[in-house]
Amino acid sequence: MATLVTLGLSKILGKVGEPTALNFTETGYTTFGLTYEDTCKMSQEDPEVTEFYAEEEDDPVETVEKQGKITFSFSIMNPDLPVLKRLFGGEIASDVWSYPDAVNTVEESIIILPKKGLKFQVPRMKLVAKINGEFSKKGLLLIEVTGTVMKPTTSGLKKMAVGKVSASTASVSS
């Protein structure tokens, strides 16, 4: 049996609204642009453990655990005006994007498709973006995006699904 490893990135897709099922259907999803090399990461914080002690005991008599927050982060290296509006809000008029006056809350359903291995679907993710530009011969304007996995509002959906990348998906996306 072959060893399953997850590596590379084919694409990151998002759409407004939660799906009805976590089945990796890409209909209605769009990319954010090209992902800058080595910036797509997933992390989970350590669980929070609360221990309860009795005066008569040195060890805890009860513990309560809370799962650690899961985040995905990536940088977009070729943002266009619609992507800026999608991630920050604001308005586009006459090929000019105007930065919003107030913070814009962005929530999308996200699919992350690696080149091979395991793929991830998050039905509700809060996205926070920031601009990081370096105007030089070796620098790029990047949009750094951090997404926090949230509890879905759709009944019956779990907060994340993980499946295997199919050989046909990997070859089409390459």
N, C-alpha and C. Protein backbone atom coordinates (compact mmCIF):
# COMPACT_ATOMS: atom_id res chain seq x y z
N MET A 1 0.84 -1.18 0.00
CA MET A 1 0.00 0.00 0.00
C MET A 1 0.88 1.24 0.00
N ALA A 2 0.56 2.19 -0.88
CA ALA A 2 1.34 3.42 -1.00
C ALA A 2 1.13 4.31 0.22
N THR A 3 2.18 5.03 0.58
CA THR A 3 2.09 5.97 1.68
C THR A 3 1.41 7.25 1.18
N LEU A 4 0.44 7.74 1.94
CA LEU A 4 -0.26 8.96 1.58
C LEU A 4 0.44 10.15 2.21
N VAL A 5 0.95 11.05 1.36
CA VAL A 5 1.53 12.29 1.85
C VAL A 5 0.80 13.45 1.17
N THR A 6 0.68 14.54 1.87
CA THR A 6 0.02 15.72 1.33
C THR A 6 1.07 16.78 1.07
N LEU A 7 1.12 17.24 -0.19
CA LEU A 7 2.09 18.28 -0.51
C LEU A 7 1.66 19.08 -1.72
N GLY A 8 2.26 20.24 -1.86
CA GLY A 8 1.96 21.12 -2.98
C GLY A 8 0.62 21.81 -2.82
N LEU A 9 0.30 22.65 -3.79
CA LEU A 9 -0.97 23.35 -3.80
C LEU A 9 -1.44 23.50 -5.23
N SER A 10 -2.66 23.04 -5.50
CA SER A 10 -3.27 23.24 -6.82
C SER A 10 -4.05 24.54 -6.86
N LYS A 11 -4.89 24.77 -5.83
CA LYS A 11 -5.67 26.00 -5.80
C LYS A 11 -6.38 26.16 -4.47
N ILE A 12 -6.73 27.41 -4.18
CA ILE A 12 -7.55 27.76 -3.03
C ILE A 12 -8.81 28.39 -3.59
N LEU A 13 -9.95 27.84 -3.22
CA LEU A 13 -11.24 28.31 -3.73
C LEU A 13 -12.10 28.84 -2.61
N GLY A 14 -12.92 29.82 -2.91
CA GLY A 14 -13.84 30.34 -1.92
C GLY A 14 -15.13 30.79 -2.56
N LYS A 15 -16.18 30.85 -1.75
CA LYS A 15 -17.46 31.40 -2.20
C LYS A 15 -18.22 31.91 -0.99
N VAL A 16 -19.07 32.89 -1.21
CA VAL A 16 -19.91 33.42 -0.15
C VAL A 16 -21.02 32.43 0.13
N GLY A 17 -21.27 32.17 1.39
CA GLY A 17 -22.33 31.25 1.78
C GLY A 17 -21.83 29.84 2.03
N GLU A 18 -22.53 29.15 2.89
CA GLU A 18 -22.16 27.78 3.23
C GLU A 18 -22.75 26.80 2.22
N PRO A 19 -22.03 25.71 1.94
CA PRO A 19 -22.59 24.68 1.06
C PRO A 19 -23.67 23.89 1.81
N THR A 20 -24.46 23.14 1.07
CA THR A 20 -25.47 22.30 1.71
C THR A 20 -24.87 20.99 2.19
N ALA A 21 -23.72 20.60 1.60
CA ALA A 21 -23.03 19.37 2.00
C ALA A 21 -21.53 19.57 1.82
N LEU A 22 -20.76 18.83 2.59
CA LEU A 22 -19.30 18.89 2.48
C LEU A 22 -18.84 17.77 1.54
N ASN A 23 -18.98 18.02 0.23
CA ASN A 23 -18.65 17.00 -0.77
C ASN A 23 -17.63 17.50 -1.80
N PHE A 24 -16.99 18.61 -1.54
CA PHE A 24 -15.92 19.18 -2.36
C PHE A 24 -16.40 19.60 -3.76
N THR A 25 -17.70 19.80 -3.95
CA THR A 25 -18.21 20.30 -5.22
C THR A 25 -17.74 21.74 -5.39
N GLU A 26 -17.10 22.02 -6.54
CA GLU A 26 -16.48 23.33 -6.76
C GLU A 26 -17.40 24.34 -7.43
N THR A 27 -18.63 23.95 -7.74
CA THR A 27 -19.58 24.85 -8.40
C THR A 27 -19.80 26.11 -7.57
N GLY A 28 -19.62 27.26 -8.19
CA GLY A 28 -19.82 28.53 -7.50
C GLY A 28 -18.59 29.05 -6.78
N TYR A 29 -17.55 28.23 -6.67
CA TYR A 29 -16.31 28.64 -6.01
C TYR A 29 -15.39 29.31 -7.02
N THR A 30 -14.61 30.30 -6.57
CA THR A 30 -13.62 30.94 -7.43
C THR A 30 -12.30 31.06 -6.67
N THR A 31 -11.22 31.18 -7.42
CA THR A 31 -9.91 31.34 -6.79
C THR A 31 -9.73 32.79 -6.35
N PHE A 32 -8.77 33.01 -5.50
CA PHE A 32 -8.41 34.36 -5.06
C PHE A 32 -7.31 34.93 -5.94
N GLY A 33 -6.62 34.06 -6.67
CA GLY A 33 -5.48 34.44 -7.49
C GLY A 33 -4.38 33.42 -7.27
N LEU A 34 -3.18 33.78 -7.68
CA LEU A 34 -2.03 32.90 -7.48
C LEU A 34 -1.54 33.03 -6.04
N THR A 35 -1.21 31.90 -5.44
CA THR A 35 -0.71 31.87 -4.07
C THR A 35 0.81 31.97 -4.10
N TYR A 36 1.35 32.95 -3.41
CA TYR A 36 2.80 33.13 -3.36
C TYR A 36 3.44 31.88 -2.75
N GLU A 37 4.57 31.48 -3.33
CA GLU A 37 5.26 30.25 -2.93
C GLU A 37 5.54 30.20 -1.43
N ASP A 38 5.30 29.05 -0.85
CA ASP A 38 5.60 28.74 0.55
C ASP A 38 4.78 29.56 1.56
N THR A 39 3.61 30.08 1.16
CA THR A 39 2.82 30.86 2.12
C THR A 39 1.54 30.17 2.57
N CYS A 40 1.10 29.10 1.90
CA CYS A 40 -0.15 28.45 2.32
C CYS A 40 0.15 27.50 3.47
N LYS A 41 -0.43 27.82 4.62
CA LYS A 41 -0.16 27.04 5.83
C LYS A 41 -1.45 26.78 6.59
N MET A 42 -1.47 25.67 7.30
CA MET A 42 -2.58 25.32 8.19
C MET A 42 -2.00 25.09 9.56
N SER A 43 -2.68 25.59 10.60
CA SER A 43 -2.19 25.34 11.96
C SER A 43 -3.37 25.21 12.91
N GLN A 44 -3.12 24.49 13.98
CA GLN A 44 -4.12 24.34 15.03
C GLN A 44 -3.44 24.63 16.36
N GLU A 45 -4.08 25.50 17.14
CA GLU A 45 -3.54 25.82 18.46
C GLU A 45 -3.73 24.62 19.38
N ASP A 46 -2.91 24.58 20.42
CA ASP A 46 -3.08 23.53 21.43
C ASP A 46 -4.44 23.68 22.09
N PRO A 47 -5.03 22.55 22.51
CA PRO A 47 -6.30 22.65 23.23
C PRO A 47 -6.12 23.39 24.55
N GLU A 48 -7.17 24.06 24.97
CA GLU A 48 -7.17 24.73 26.27
C GLU A 48 -7.70 23.73 27.29
N VAL A 49 -6.92 23.47 28.33
CA VAL A 49 -7.31 22.51 29.36
C VAL A 49 -7.46 23.25 30.69
N THR A 50 -8.63 23.14 31.27
CA THR A 50 -8.88 23.72 32.59
C THR A 50 -8.91 22.58 33.59
N GLU A 51 -8.06 22.69 34.60
CA GLU A 51 -7.97 21.64 35.63
C GLU A 51 -8.61 22.12 36.92
N PHE A 52 -9.32 21.22 37.57
CA PHE A 52 -9.99 21.53 38.83
C PHE A 52 -9.36 20.69 39.94
N TYR A 53 -8.93 21.37 41.00
CA TYR A 53 -8.22 20.72 42.10
C TYR A 53 -9.04 20.78 43.38
N ALA A 54 -8.88 19.75 44.17
CA ALA A 54 -9.46 19.72 45.53
C ALA A 54 -8.33 20.02 46.51
N GLU A 55 -8.66 20.64 47.60
CA GLU A 55 -7.67 20.94 48.63
C GLU A 55 -6.99 19.67 49.14
N GLU A 56 -7.73 18.58 49.11
CA GLU A 56 -7.21 17.32 49.68
C GLU A 56 -6.37 16.52 48.69
N GLU A 57 -6.30 16.92 47.42
CA GLU A 57 -5.60 16.14 46.39
C GLU A 57 -4.54 16.99 45.69
N ASP A 58 -3.40 16.36 45.33
CA ASP A 58 -2.37 17.06 44.58
C ASP A 58 -2.64 17.06 43.08
N ASP A 59 -3.38 16.08 42.62
CA ASP A 59 -3.68 15.95 41.19
C ASP A 59 -5.09 16.48 40.91
N PRO A 60 -5.34 16.90 39.67
CA PRO A 60 -6.68 17.39 39.36
C PRO A 60 -7.73 16.29 39.53
N VAL A 61 -8.90 16.67 40.00
CA VAL A 61 -9.99 15.70 40.14
C VAL A 61 -10.91 15.76 38.92
N GLU A 62 -10.77 16.80 38.12
CA GLU A 62 -11.58 16.93 36.90
C GLU A 62 -10.85 17.85 35.93
N THR A 63 -11.01 17.62 34.64
CA THR A 63 -10.49 18.52 33.62
C THR A 63 -11.57 18.77 32.57
N VAL A 64 -11.50 19.93 31.97
CA VAL A 64 -12.38 20.28 30.86
C VAL A 64 -11.50 20.76 29.72
N GLU A 65 -11.73 20.22 28.52
CA GLU A 65 -10.91 20.58 27.37
C GLU A 65 -11.74 21.37 26.35
N LYS A 66 -11.06 22.29 25.69
CA LYS A 66 -11.66 23.06 24.60
C LYS A 66 -10.70 22.99 23.43
N GLN A 67 -11.21 22.63 22.24
CA GLN A 67 -10.36 22.47 21.06
C GLN A 67 -9.61 23.75 20.72
N GLY A 68 -8.42 23.58 20.17
CA GLY A 68 -7.64 24.72 19.72
C GLY A 68 -8.16 25.24 18.39
N LYS A 69 -8.04 26.53 18.19
CA LYS A 69 -8.49 27.20 16.97
C LYS A 69 -7.69 26.71 15.77
N ILE A 70 -8.37 26.50 14.62
CA ILE A 70 -7.72 26.09 13.38
C ILE A 70 -7.69 27.29 12.44
N THR A 71 -6.51 27.56 11.88
CA THR A 71 -6.38 28.66 10.92
C THR A 71 -5.65 28.20 9.67
N PHE A 72 -5.97 28.84 8.57
CA PHE A 72 -5.25 28.69 7.31
C PHE A 72 -4.73 30.08 6.96
N SER A 73 -3.55 30.16 6.40
CA SER A 73 -3.03 31.45 5.95
C SER A 73 -2.36 31.27 4.59
N PHE A 74 -2.43 32.31 3.78
CA PHE A 74 -1.81 32.29 2.46
C PHE A 74 -1.67 33.73 1.97
N SER A 75 -0.80 33.92 0.99
CA SER A 75 -0.60 35.25 0.41
C SER A 75 -0.91 35.21 -1.08
N ILE A 76 -1.67 36.18 -1.53
CA ILE A 76 -2.04 36.29 -2.94
C ILE A 76 -1.03 37.21 -3.61
N MET A 77 -0.39 36.72 -4.69
CA MET A 77 0.68 37.50 -5.32
C MET A 77 0.22 38.30 -6.53
N ASN A 78 -1.01 38.08 -7.00
CA ASN A 78 -1.49 38.81 -8.17
C ASN A 78 -2.91 39.35 -7.95
N PRO A 79 -3.12 40.12 -6.89
CA PRO A 79 -4.48 40.58 -6.63
C PRO A 79 -4.97 41.54 -7.72
N ASP A 80 -6.25 41.42 -8.05
CA ASP A 80 -6.87 42.38 -8.95
C ASP A 80 -7.93 43.15 -8.16
N LEU A 81 -8.57 44.10 -8.80
CA LEU A 81 -9.53 44.95 -8.09
C LEU A 81 -10.71 44.16 -7.51
N PRO A 82 -11.30 43.20 -8.24
CA PRO A 82 -12.39 42.42 -7.64
C PRO A 82 -11.95 41.62 -6.40
N VAL A 83 -10.72 41.12 -6.39
CA VAL A 83 -10.23 40.39 -5.22
C VAL A 83 -10.04 41.34 -4.04
N LEU A 84 -9.54 42.54 -4.29
CA LEU A 84 -9.41 43.52 -3.22
C LEU A 84 -10.78 43.84 -2.62
N LYS A 85 -11.77 44.03 -3.46
CA LYS A 85 -13.13 44.31 -2.96
C LYS A 85 -13.67 43.10 -2.21
N ARG A 86 -13.41 41.90 -2.72
CA ARG A 86 -13.88 40.66 -2.09
C ARG A 86 -13.32 40.51 -0.68
N LEU A 87 -12.05 40.84 -0.49
CA LEU A 87 -11.40 40.61 0.80
C LEU A 87 -11.46 41.80 1.76
N PHE A 88 -11.54 43.00 1.23
CA PHE A 88 -11.53 44.19 2.08
C PHE A 88 -12.84 44.95 2.10
N GLY A 89 -13.69 44.74 1.09
CA GLY A 89 -14.87 45.58 0.93
C GLY A 89 -14.50 46.78 0.08
N GLY A 90 -15.22 47.88 0.26
CA GLY A 90 -14.96 49.06 -0.55
C GLY A 90 -15.75 49.02 -1.84
N GLU A 91 -15.37 49.87 -2.77
CA GLU A 91 -16.10 50.00 -4.03
C GLU A 91 -15.13 50.04 -5.20
N ILE A 92 -15.62 49.60 -6.36
CA ILE A 92 -14.87 49.72 -7.61
C ILE A 92 -15.69 50.61 -8.54
N ALA A 93 -15.05 51.67 -9.03
CA ALA A 93 -15.69 52.57 -10.00
C ALA A 93 -14.62 53.06 -10.97
N SER A 94 -14.90 52.98 -12.26
CA SER A 94 -13.97 53.45 -13.30
C SER A 94 -12.58 52.84 -13.13
N ASP A 95 -12.54 51.53 -12.91
CA ASP A 95 -11.28 50.80 -12.74
C ASP A 95 -10.42 51.30 -11.58
N VAL A 96 -11.07 51.79 -10.53
CA VAL A 96 -10.38 52.22 -9.32
C VAL A 96 -11.09 51.60 -8.13
N TRP A 97 -10.30 50.92 -7.29
CA TRP A 97 -10.86 50.36 -6.06
C TRP A 97 -10.65 51.36 -4.94
N SER A 98 -11.69 51.64 -4.19
CA SER A 98 -11.62 52.55 -3.05
C SER A 98 -11.65 51.74 -1.77
N TYR A 99 -10.63 51.93 -0.94
CA TYR A 99 -10.52 51.23 0.34
C TYR A 99 -11.71 51.61 1.22
N PRO A 100 -12.28 50.66 1.96
CA PRO A 100 -13.47 50.97 2.77
C PRO A 100 -13.13 51.85 3.98
N ASP A 101 -14.13 52.57 4.46
CA ASP A 101 -13.96 53.42 5.64
C ASP A 101 -13.98 52.63 6.94
N ALA A 102 -14.60 51.45 6.92
CA ALA A 102 -14.72 50.62 8.12
C ALA A 102 -14.28 49.20 7.81
N VAL A 103 -13.96 48.47 8.85
CA VAL A 103 -13.56 47.07 8.69
C VAL A 103 -14.71 46.29 8.08
N ASN A 104 -14.39 45.47 7.11
CA ASN A 104 -15.37 44.65 6.42
C ASN A 104 -15.23 43.20 6.91
N THR A 105 -16.30 42.62 7.42
CA THR A 105 -16.26 41.22 7.85
C THR A 105 -16.49 40.33 6.64
N VAL A 106 -15.56 39.41 6.41
CA VAL A 106 -15.66 38.52 5.26
C VAL A 106 -15.72 37.08 5.76
N GLU A 107 -16.76 36.38 5.36
CA GLU A 107 -16.88 34.95 5.64
C GLU A 107 -17.15 34.24 4.33
N GLU A 108 -16.40 33.18 4.07
CA GLU A 108 -16.60 32.37 2.87
C GLU A 108 -16.45 30.91 3.22
N SER A 109 -16.99 30.08 2.34
CA SER A 109 -16.73 28.65 2.37
C SER A 109 -15.47 28.44 1.55
N ILE A 110 -14.54 27.63 2.04
CA ILE A 110 -13.22 27.49 1.42
C ILE A 110 -12.93 26.03 1.10
N ILE A 111 -12.30 25.80 -0.06
CA ILE A 111 -11.76 24.49 -0.43
C ILE A 111 -10.28 24.68 -0.72
N ILE A 112 -9.43 23.87 -0.08
CA ILE A 112 -7.98 23.91 -0.32
C ILE A 112 -7.61 22.58 -0.97
N LEU A 113 -7.08 22.67 -2.20
CA LEU A 113 -6.73 21.49 -2.97
C LEU A 113 -5.22 21.42 -3.18
N PRO A 114 -4.54 20.52 -2.46
CA PRO A 114 -3.11 20.31 -2.69
C PRO A 114 -2.87 19.57 -4.02
N LYS A 115 -1.63 19.45 -4.43
CA LYS A 115 -1.28 18.67 -5.63
C LYS A 115 -1.57 17.19 -5.41
N LYS A 116 -1.33 16.72 -4.18
CA LYS A 116 -1.61 15.31 -3.87
C LYS A 116 -1.86 15.18 -2.38
N GLY A 117 -2.50 14.08 -2.01
CA GLY A 117 -2.73 13.81 -0.59
C GLY A 117 -4.13 14.15 -0.15
N LEU A 118 -4.25 14.95 0.90
CA LEU A 118 -5.54 15.27 1.50
C LEU A 118 -5.99 16.68 1.13
N LYS A 119 -7.29 16.81 0.84
CA LYS A 119 -7.89 18.11 0.54
C LYS A 119 -8.80 18.51 1.69
N PHE A 120 -9.05 19.81 1.82
CA PHE A 120 -9.79 20.34 2.96
C PHE A 120 -10.94 21.23 2.49
N GLN A 121 -12.10 21.06 3.12
CA GLN A 121 -13.24 21.93 2.87
C GLN A 121 -13.73 22.48 4.19
N VAL A 122 -13.86 23.80 4.26
CA VAL A 122 -14.33 24.48 5.46
C VAL A 122 -15.59 25.26 5.05
N PRO A 123 -16.75 24.90 5.60
CA PRO A 123 -17.99 25.56 5.18
C PRO A 123 -18.12 27.00 5.64
N ARG A 124 -17.43 27.37 6.72
CA ARG A 124 -17.52 28.75 7.21
C ARG A 124 -16.16 29.16 7.76
N MET A 125 -15.54 30.11 7.09
CA MET A 125 -14.24 30.61 7.51
C MET A 125 -14.27 32.14 7.52
N LYS A 126 -13.82 32.71 8.62
CA LYS A 126 -13.70 34.18 8.70
C LYS A 126 -12.34 34.56 8.14
N LEU A 127 -12.35 35.43 7.13
CA LEU A 127 -11.12 35.84 6.46
C LEU A 127 -10.73 37.25 6.86
N VAL A 128 -9.47 37.42 7.21
CA VAL A 128 -8.91 38.73 7.52
C VAL A 128 -7.72 38.93 6.58
N ALA A 129 -7.75 40.03 5.83
CA ALA A 129 -6.68 40.29 4.86
C ALA A 129 -5.94 41.57 5.23
N LYS A 130 -4.67 41.60 4.84
CA LYS A 130 -3.89 42.83 5.00
C LYS A 130 -2.94 42.95 3.82
N ILE A 131 -2.61 44.18 3.51
CA ILE A 131 -1.73 44.46 2.38
C ILE A 131 -0.29 44.50 2.87
N ASN A 132 0.59 43.82 2.13
CA ASN A 132 2.01 43.82 2.45
C ASN A 132 2.74 44.01 1.12
N GLY A 133 3.15 45.23 0.85
CA GLY A 133 3.79 45.52 -0.43
C GLY A 133 5.24 45.90 -0.29
N GLU A 134 6.04 45.37 -1.19
CA GLU A 134 7.45 45.76 -1.27
C GLU A 134 7.68 46.23 -2.70
N PHE A 135 7.94 47.50 -2.85
CA PHE A 135 8.10 48.09 -4.17
C PHE A 135 9.58 48.16 -4.50
N SER A 136 10.09 47.06 -5.04
CA SER A 136 11.50 46.96 -5.40
C SER A 136 11.62 45.97 -6.55
N LYS A 137 12.84 45.79 -7.05
CA LYS A 137 13.06 44.84 -8.14
C LYS A 137 12.81 43.40 -7.72
N LYS A 138 12.93 43.13 -6.44
CA LYS A 138 12.76 41.76 -5.96
C LYS A 138 11.51 41.58 -5.10
N GLY A 139 10.72 42.64 -4.95
CA GLY A 139 9.56 42.57 -4.08
C GLY A 139 8.26 42.52 -4.85
N LEU A 140 7.22 42.12 -4.16
CA LEU A 140 5.87 42.04 -4.72
C LEU A 140 4.88 42.68 -3.78
N LEU A 141 3.75 43.06 -4.35
CA LEU A 141 2.60 43.44 -3.54
C LEU A 141 1.86 42.15 -3.21
N LEU A 142 1.75 41.85 -1.93
CA LEU A 142 1.06 40.64 -1.49
C LEU A 142 -0.16 41.02 -0.67
N ILE A 143 -1.20 40.22 -0.78
CA ILE A 143 -2.34 40.31 0.11
C ILE A 143 -2.25 39.09 1.02
N GLU A 144 -1.96 39.32 2.29
CA GLU A 144 -1.83 38.23 3.26
C GLU A 144 -3.20 37.95 3.86
N VAL A 145 -3.64 36.71 3.75
CA VAL A 145 -4.97 36.32 4.21
C VAL A 145 -4.84 35.28 5.31
N THR A 146 -5.55 35.50 6.41
CA THR A 146 -5.64 34.52 7.49
C THR A 146 -7.11 34.17 7.66
N GLY A 147 -7.40 32.87 7.60
CA GLY A 147 -8.77 32.40 7.75
C GLY A 147 -8.91 31.57 9.00
N THR A 148 -9.93 31.86 9.79
CA THR A 148 -10.22 31.11 11.02
C THR A 148 -11.44 30.24 10.78
N VAL A 149 -11.30 28.95 11.08
CA VAL A 149 -12.41 28.01 10.93
C VAL A 149 -13.46 28.35 11.98
N MET A 150 -14.71 28.49 11.52
CA MET A 150 -15.82 28.86 12.39
C MET A 150 -16.86 27.74 12.41
N LYS A 151 -17.70 27.74 13.43
CA LYS A 151 -18.80 26.78 13.51
C LYS A 151 -19.82 27.14 12.43
N PRO A 152 -20.20 26.17 11.58
CA PRO A 152 -21.19 26.45 10.54
C PRO A 152 -22.55 26.82 11.14
N THR A 153 -23.29 27.64 10.41
CA THR A 153 -24.65 27.98 10.83
C THR A 153 -25.67 27.02 10.23
N THR A 154 -25.26 26.27 9.20
CA THR A 154 -26.15 25.30 8.56
C THR A 154 -26.21 24.04 9.41
N SER A 155 -27.40 23.64 9.77
CA SER A 155 -27.60 22.46 10.61
C SER A 155 -27.03 21.21 9.94
N GLY A 156 -26.30 20.42 10.69
CA GLY A 156 -25.76 19.17 10.20
C GLY A 156 -24.37 19.25 9.59
N LEU A 157 -23.89 20.45 9.28
CA LEU A 157 -22.54 20.59 8.72
C LEU A 157 -21.51 20.58 9.84
N LYS A 158 -20.41 19.88 9.62
CA LYS A 158 -19.28 19.91 10.54
C LYS A 158 -18.37 21.08 10.15
N LYS A 159 -17.46 21.46 11.03
CA LYS A 159 -16.63 22.64 10.76
C LYS A 159 -15.57 22.43 9.70
N MET A 160 -15.24 21.15 9.39
CA MET A 160 -14.23 20.89 8.37
C MET A 160 -14.37 19.46 7.88
N ALA A 161 -14.11 19.27 6.59
CA ALA A 161 -14.09 17.93 6.01
C ALA A 161 -12.74 17.73 5.33
N VAL A 162 -12.24 16.51 5.40
CA VAL A 162 -10.96 16.16 4.80
C VAL A 162 -11.19 14.94 3.92
N GLY A 163 -10.75 15.01 2.67
CA GLY A 163 -10.88 13.90 1.73
C GLY A 163 -9.57 13.71 0.98
N LYS A 164 -9.54 12.70 0.12
CA LYS A 164 -8.34 12.43 -0.68
C LYS A 164 -8.45 13.15 -2.01
N VAL A 165 -7.33 13.73 -2.45
CA VAL A 165 -7.26 14.33 -3.77
C VAL A 165 -7.27 13.19 -4.78
N SER A 166 -8.17 13.26 -5.76
CA SER A 166 -8.22 12.21 -6.78
C SER A 166 -7.13 12.44 -7.81
N ALA A 167 -6.72 11.37 -8.48
CA ALA A 167 -5.67 11.48 -9.49
C ALA A 167 -6.10 12.40 -10.62
N SER A 168 -7.39 12.37 -11.00
CA SER A 168 -7.88 13.23 -12.08
C SER A 168 -7.87 14.70 -11.66
N THR A 169 -8.22 14.99 -10.41
CA THR A 169 -8.20 16.36 -9.91
C THR A 169 -6.78 16.90 -9.90
N ALA A 170 -5.84 16.08 -9.44
CA ALA A 170 -4.45 16.51 -9.35
C ALA A 170 -3.87 16.79 -10.73
N SER A 171 -4.18 15.94 -11.73
CA SER A 171 -3.60 16.14 -13.05
C SER A 171 -4.25 17.31 -13.78
N VAL A 172 -5.55 17.55 -13.57
CA VAL A 172 -6.24 18.67 -14.21
C VAL A 172 -5.76 19.99 -13.63
N SER A 173 -5.49 20.03 -12.33
CA SER A 173 -5.12 21.27 -11.66
C SER A 173 -3.65 21.62 -11.82
N SER A 174 -2.84 20.71 -12.27
CA SER A 174 -1.40 20.97 -12.37
C SER A 174 -1.06 21.95 -13.44
